[in-house]
Protein backbone atom coordinates (compact mmCIF):
# COMPACT_ATOMS: atom_id res chain seq x y z
CA MET A 1 62.18 -118.84 115.26
CA SER A 2 59.95 -120.02 113.75
CA GLN A 3 60.27 -121.50 109.92
CA ARG A 4 57.40 -119.83 108.75
CA CYS A 5 59.39 -116.48 109.22
CA LEU A 6 62.45 -118.09 107.06
CA SER A 7 62.80 -117.09 103.56
CA PRO A 8 62.25 -120.45 101.30
CA GLY A 9 65.98 -120.26 100.43
CA LEU A 10 66.94 -120.15 104.22
CA ARG A 11 64.37 -122.77 105.07
CA ARG A 12 66.14 -125.11 102.15
CA LEU A 13 69.49 -124.41 103.94
CA ALA A 14 67.88 -125.24 107.68
CA ALA A 15 66.59 -128.53 106.01
CA ALA A 16 69.53 -129.50 104.40
CA THR A 17 71.65 -128.62 107.95
CA ALA A 18 68.91 -130.72 109.82
CA MET A 19 69.94 -133.60 107.23
CA MET A 20 73.30 -133.57 108.14
CA ALA A 21 72.49 -133.77 111.69
CA VAL A 22 70.38 -136.51 111.71
CA ALA A 23 73.26 -138.34 109.22
CA ALA A 24 75.60 -137.85 112.22
CA LEU A 25 72.94 -139.44 114.73
CA ALA A 26 72.66 -142.26 112.24
CA GLY A 27 76.33 -142.72 111.91
CA CYS A 28 76.20 -142.85 116.29
CA ALA A 29 73.78 -145.49 116.06
CA ASN A 30 75.62 -147.60 113.66
CA THR A 31 79.44 -148.59 113.98
CA PRO A 32 81.42 -145.13 114.17
CA GLY A 33 83.07 -144.22 110.81
CA SER A 34 80.83 -147.40 109.03
CA ALA A 35 80.45 -146.72 105.21
CA GLU A 36 76.95 -146.09 105.70
CA ALA A 37 76.88 -143.21 108.34
CA MET A 38 79.53 -141.35 106.00
CA ALA A 39 77.18 -141.55 102.82
CA ARG A 40 74.62 -139.87 104.36
CA GLN A 41 77.00 -137.32 106.04
CA THR A 42 78.39 -136.73 102.23
CA ASP A 43 74.74 -136.83 100.48
CA ALA A 44 73.88 -134.10 103.60
CA GLN A 45 77.03 -132.09 102.51
CA ILE A 46 76.83 -131.94 98.87
CA GLU A 47 73.21 -130.85 99.35
CA LEU A 48 73.89 -128.02 101.74
CA ALA A 49 76.52 -126.73 98.81
CA ARG A 50 74.49 -126.96 96.35
CA LEU A 51 71.66 -124.88 98.13
CA GLN A 52 74.48 -122.68 99.32
CA GLU A 53 75.37 -121.97 95.37
CA LYS A 54 71.77 -121.64 94.33
CA GLU A 55 71.61 -118.97 96.95
CA ALA A 56 74.73 -117.06 96.06
CA ARG A 57 73.78 -117.19 92.00
CA ALA A 58 69.98 -115.30 93.09
CA GLU A 59 72.19 -112.90 94.86
CA TYR A 60 74.36 -112.08 91.97
CA ASN A 61 70.81 -111.59 90.11
CA ASP A 62 69.79 -108.81 92.35
CA GLN A 63 71.34 -105.92 91.42
CA GLY A 64 70.62 -103.87 94.68
CA VAL A 65 71.81 -107.37 96.52
CA TYR A 66 74.71 -107.93 94.26
CA LEU A 67 76.22 -104.19 94.76
CA GLY A 68 75.86 -104.76 98.38
CA LEU A 69 77.95 -107.84 98.52
CA ILE A 70 80.52 -105.56 96.69
CA GLY A 71 80.61 -103.35 99.34
CA ARG A 72 80.92 -105.28 102.13
CA MET A 73 83.96 -107.26 100.48
CA GLN A 74 85.42 -103.80 100.64
CA GLN A 75 84.72 -103.15 103.91
CA GLU A 76 86.27 -106.80 104.64
CA GLY A 77 89.31 -104.72 102.64
CA MET A 78 88.94 -107.56 100.06
CA TYR A 79 89.54 -104.59 97.19
CA PHE A 80 91.18 -106.69 94.72
CA ALA A 81 88.24 -109.48 94.48
CA SER A 82 85.81 -106.23 94.47
CA LEU A 83 87.54 -105.12 91.25
CA ALA A 84 86.72 -108.57 89.91
CA HIS A 85 83.16 -108.52 90.87
CA ILE A 86 82.66 -104.87 89.76
CA ASP A 87 83.69 -106.13 86.24
CA ALA A 88 81.28 -109.39 86.36
CA PHE A 89 78.52 -106.30 87.57
CA GLN A 90 79.32 -103.95 84.84
CA GLN A 91 79.11 -107.22 81.95
CA LYS A 92 75.83 -108.46 83.95
CA PHE A 93 73.85 -105.06 84.57
CA GLY A 94 75.59 -101.93 83.13
CA SER A 95 77.37 -99.26 84.91
CA ASN A 96 76.07 -96.86 87.07
CA THR A 97 77.40 -94.27 89.39
CA ALA A 98 76.96 -96.26 92.94
CA LEU A 99 79.26 -98.63 91.07
CA LEU A 100 81.79 -96.66 89.58
CA VAL A 101 82.59 -95.15 93.22
CA LEU A 102 83.17 -98.53 94.43
CA ARG A 103 85.36 -99.13 91.50
CA ALA A 104 87.37 -95.51 92.08
CA ASP A 105 87.43 -97.04 95.87
CA ALA A 106 89.20 -100.12 94.83
CA LEU A 107 91.73 -98.61 92.49
CA ARG A 108 92.60 -96.10 95.27
CA GLU A 109 93.38 -99.07 97.99
CA THR A 110 95.06 -101.67 95.32
CA GLY A 111 97.81 -98.86 94.67
CA GLN A 112 96.30 -97.72 91.08
CA ASP A 113 96.24 -93.85 92.38
CA ASP A 114 96.51 -92.59 88.96
CA ALA A 115 93.41 -94.39 87.85
CA ALA A 116 91.63 -94.07 91.21
CA LEU A 117 92.10 -90.26 90.63
CA GLN A 118 90.66 -90.18 87.13
CA ALA A 119 87.34 -92.09 88.01
CA TYR A 120 86.83 -89.87 91.01
CA ARG A 121 87.33 -87.06 88.97
CA ASP A 122 84.61 -88.03 86.30
CA LEU A 123 82.66 -88.39 89.35
CA LEU A 124 82.63 -84.40 90.31
CA ASN A 125 79.07 -84.01 88.27
CA THR A 126 77.22 -86.44 89.60
CA ASP A 127 75.33 -87.96 92.61
CA ARG A 128 78.58 -89.06 93.96
CA ALA A 129 80.50 -86.23 93.85
CA ALA A 130 81.01 -86.03 97.87
CA ARG A 131 82.56 -89.34 97.62
CA ALA A 132 84.76 -88.78 94.74
CA ARG A 133 85.71 -85.51 96.89
CA HIS A 134 86.39 -87.67 99.77
CA GLY A 135 88.18 -89.77 97.71
CA ILE A 136 90.52 -87.18 95.98
CA GLY A 137 91.17 -86.10 99.69
CA LEU A 138 92.75 -89.34 100.40
CA LEU A 139 94.69 -89.60 97.74
CA LEU A 140 96.39 -86.17 97.65
CA GLY A 141 97.06 -87.22 101.75
CA ARG A 142 98.70 -90.39 101.01
CA GLN A 143 100.80 -88.20 99.14
CA GLY A 144 101.76 -86.06 102.03
CA GLU A 145 99.81 -83.00 100.13
CA PHE A 146 97.93 -82.63 103.77
CA MET A 147 96.48 -78.84 102.75
CA ARG A 148 95.84 -79.71 99.51
CA ALA A 149 94.10 -82.69 100.79
CA ALA A 150 92.24 -80.62 103.41
CA VAL A 151 90.85 -78.13 100.39
CA GLU A 152 89.04 -81.29 98.22
CA LEU A 153 87.91 -83.01 101.98
CA ARG A 154 85.99 -79.53 102.69
CA GLN A 155 84.33 -79.49 99.88
CA ALA A 156 83.24 -83.14 100.38
CA ALA A 157 82.15 -82.25 103.90
CA ALA A 158 80.16 -79.17 102.43
CA LEU A 159 78.31 -81.49 100.20
CA ASP A 160 77.86 -84.05 103.01
CA PRO A 161 77.87 -82.28 105.95
CA VAL A 162 76.73 -85.04 108.32
CA ASN A 163 79.25 -87.94 107.82
CA ALA A 164 81.62 -88.32 110.27
CA GLN A 165 84.55 -90.04 108.48
CA VAL A 166 84.84 -87.32 106.05
CA ALA A 167 84.83 -84.61 109.16
CA ASN A 168 87.55 -86.72 110.85
CA ASP A 169 89.82 -87.01 107.95
CA LEU A 170 89.30 -83.40 107.37
CA GLY A 171 90.33 -82.69 110.59
CA TYR A 172 93.42 -85.21 110.60
CA ALA A 173 94.19 -83.79 107.20
CA LEU A 174 94.35 -80.14 108.61
CA MET A 175 96.37 -81.35 111.63
CA ARG A 176 99.05 -83.19 109.56
CA GLY A 177 99.22 -79.54 107.63
CA GLY A 178 99.95 -78.09 111.23
CA ALA A 179 96.66 -76.01 110.79
CA VAL A 180 95.88 -77.83 114.26
CA GLN A 181 93.40 -74.65 115.48
CA GLU A 182 91.79 -74.97 112.15
CA ALA A 183 91.10 -78.56 112.85
CA ARG A 184 89.15 -77.92 116.01
CA VAL A 185 85.65 -78.13 114.52
CA PRO A 186 85.53 -81.29 112.01
CA VAL A 187 87.52 -83.14 114.49
CA MET A 188 84.79 -82.65 117.37
CA GLN A 189 82.39 -82.62 114.68
CA ALA A 190 83.46 -86.63 114.12
CA LEU A 191 84.06 -87.06 117.52
CA GLU A 192 79.54 -86.24 118.23
CA LEU A 193 78.42 -87.58 115.09
CA ASP A 194 80.05 -90.70 115.93
CA ALA A 195 81.42 -91.35 119.37
CA ASN A 196 81.69 -94.85 119.36
CA ASN A 197 84.07 -94.53 116.54
CA PRO A 198 88.29 -95.37 117.81
CA ARG A 199 89.31 -93.31 114.83
CA ALA A 200 87.38 -90.40 115.88
CA ILE A 201 88.40 -91.01 119.77
CA SER A 202 92.19 -91.26 118.79
CA ASN A 203 91.66 -87.70 116.24
CA ALA A 204 90.06 -86.24 119.33
CA VAL A 205 92.88 -87.08 121.59
CA VAL A 206 95.62 -86.18 119.76
CA TRP A 207 94.03 -82.49 118.78
CA MET A 208 93.66 -82.20 122.61
CA LEU A 209 97.60 -83.36 123.09
CA ALA A 210 98.82 -81.26 120.48
CA THR A 211 96.93 -78.01 121.99
CA GLY A 212 98.02 -78.39 125.24
CA LYS A 213 94.83 -79.92 126.74
CA ARG A 214 96.59 -82.77 128.46
CA SER A 215 94.04 -83.50 131.25
CA GLU A 216 91.16 -83.77 128.88
CA ALA A 217 93.03 -85.73 126.56
CA THR A 218 94.07 -88.24 129.61
CA ALA A 219 90.28 -88.24 130.46
CA MET A 220 89.24 -88.90 127.16
CA MET A 221 91.58 -92.18 126.65
CA GLN A 222 90.63 -93.25 130.70
CA ARG A 223 86.88 -93.52 129.12
CA ALA A 224 87.51 -95.34 125.85
CA ALA A 225 89.71 -97.36 127.60
CA MET A 226 92.58 -96.89 125.19
CA PRO A 227 95.37 -99.87 125.78
CA GLU A 228 99.02 -98.29 126.29
CA ALA A 229 100.09 -99.13 122.96
CA THR A 230 97.37 -97.20 121.38
CA ARG A 231 98.30 -94.38 124.08
CA ALA A 232 101.89 -94.50 123.00
CA ALA A 233 101.54 -94.23 119.38
CA VAL A 234 98.68 -91.17 120.00
CA ARG A 235 101.17 -89.41 121.91
CA LYS A 236 103.66 -89.81 119.36
CA GLU A 237 101.19 -88.41 116.82
CA ALA A 238 100.20 -85.50 118.73
CA ASP A 239 104.35 -84.42 118.52
CA ARG A 240 104.48 -85.02 115.13
CA ILE A 241 101.07 -82.63 114.54
CA ALA A 242 102.52 -80.28 117.17
CA ARG A 243 106.09 -80.16 115.41
CA ALA A 244 103.83 -79.77 111.90
CA ALA A 245 102.23 -76.63 113.43
CA GLN A 246 105.59 -75.45 114.42
CA GLN A 247 106.94 -75.49 111.14
CA ARG A 248 103.76 -73.65 109.75
CA ASP A 249 103.90 -70.97 112.19
CA LYS A 250 107.49 -70.40 111.28
CA ALA A 251 106.74 -70.31 107.36
CA LEU A 252 103.62 -67.81 107.38
CA PRO A 253 105.44 -64.72 106.41
CA ARG A 254 105.23 -61.92 109.71
CA THR A 255 104.41 -58.47 108.67
CA PRO A 256 106.10 -55.61 110.95
CA ALA A 257 103.48 -53.50 112.85
CA GLY A 258 105.12 -50.25 111.42
CA ALA A 259 104.62 -51.27 107.85
CA ALA A 260 101.03 -52.60 108.66
CA GLN A 261 100.20 -49.26 110.01
CA ALA A 262 101.66 -47.87 107.05
CA ALA A 263 99.64 -49.71 104.58
CA SER A 264 96.86 -49.21 106.43
CA GLY A 265 97.84 -44.86 106.12
CA ILE A 266 97.91 -45.51 102.22
CA ALA A 267 95.04 -47.79 101.85
CA THR A 268 92.93 -45.14 103.34
CA HIS A 269 94.74 -42.27 101.38
CA ALA A 270 93.56 -44.36 98.63
CA VAL A 271 90.17 -44.33 99.44
CA ALA A 272 89.62 -40.77 100.06
CA LEU A 273 91.51 -40.03 97.01
CA ASN A 274 89.55 -42.21 94.98
CA ALA A 275 85.81 -40.75 96.94
CA GLY A 276 87.18 -37.21 95.92
CA ALA A 277 88.17 -38.60 91.95
CA ARG A 278 83.97 -39.23 91.38
CA PRO A 279 82.11 -37.06 88.98
């Protein structure tokens, strides 16, 4: 790429890097480790550091770029650091819903569940409602409230129907709640929306194993080149899901056939009486 294609800041960084290279070559021409060579290298490194710091300050002066930087911090798991930058952003530019949802996510991932829940609730009537429902669902799932989590995640999916992560989390919450058959659609949606996502693949394999589709599960693990350690973890999770489904089936109330028929007859008779009572 020619330097004409670079931004002014990147051109300056490239120039500083070139200075460092020149300084290193000059050191080779003189006595290795000489004071003159070391001085040249130090000057170049100082100049490069100054330029990098200037570029960083420029990024922090742009709202959109700064928000992107905070988002990347969170993608890399730096949630504590992101909270500090969220405060700095708010002091500099004020607040907006994009920033508030990042704060709620950071609070959730730093174990501040009560504050995170309130932060998500404050966003339910905004343009970030889908993210808020998703976040609440994740908090409930962490607390073991899987079917309550599924309610929130269903609403998130309704607001953002092509979000593979929401679909995947909904499928997992339903499976952990024992609603394995209900989980089929979101699990498969997540897989087809993001076919290369390891989490979506693992969820699909878990669902297949838990529902007895072992040959399909094995084929998918082979296509994904899933390591044996991951396969063992997936099988263990599938066993847990299957047990949850059995427990849910046992807990569901069962109506005897005779009672159901009697109830049906009473309901029919009541309808007839109501129809005859109309003026």
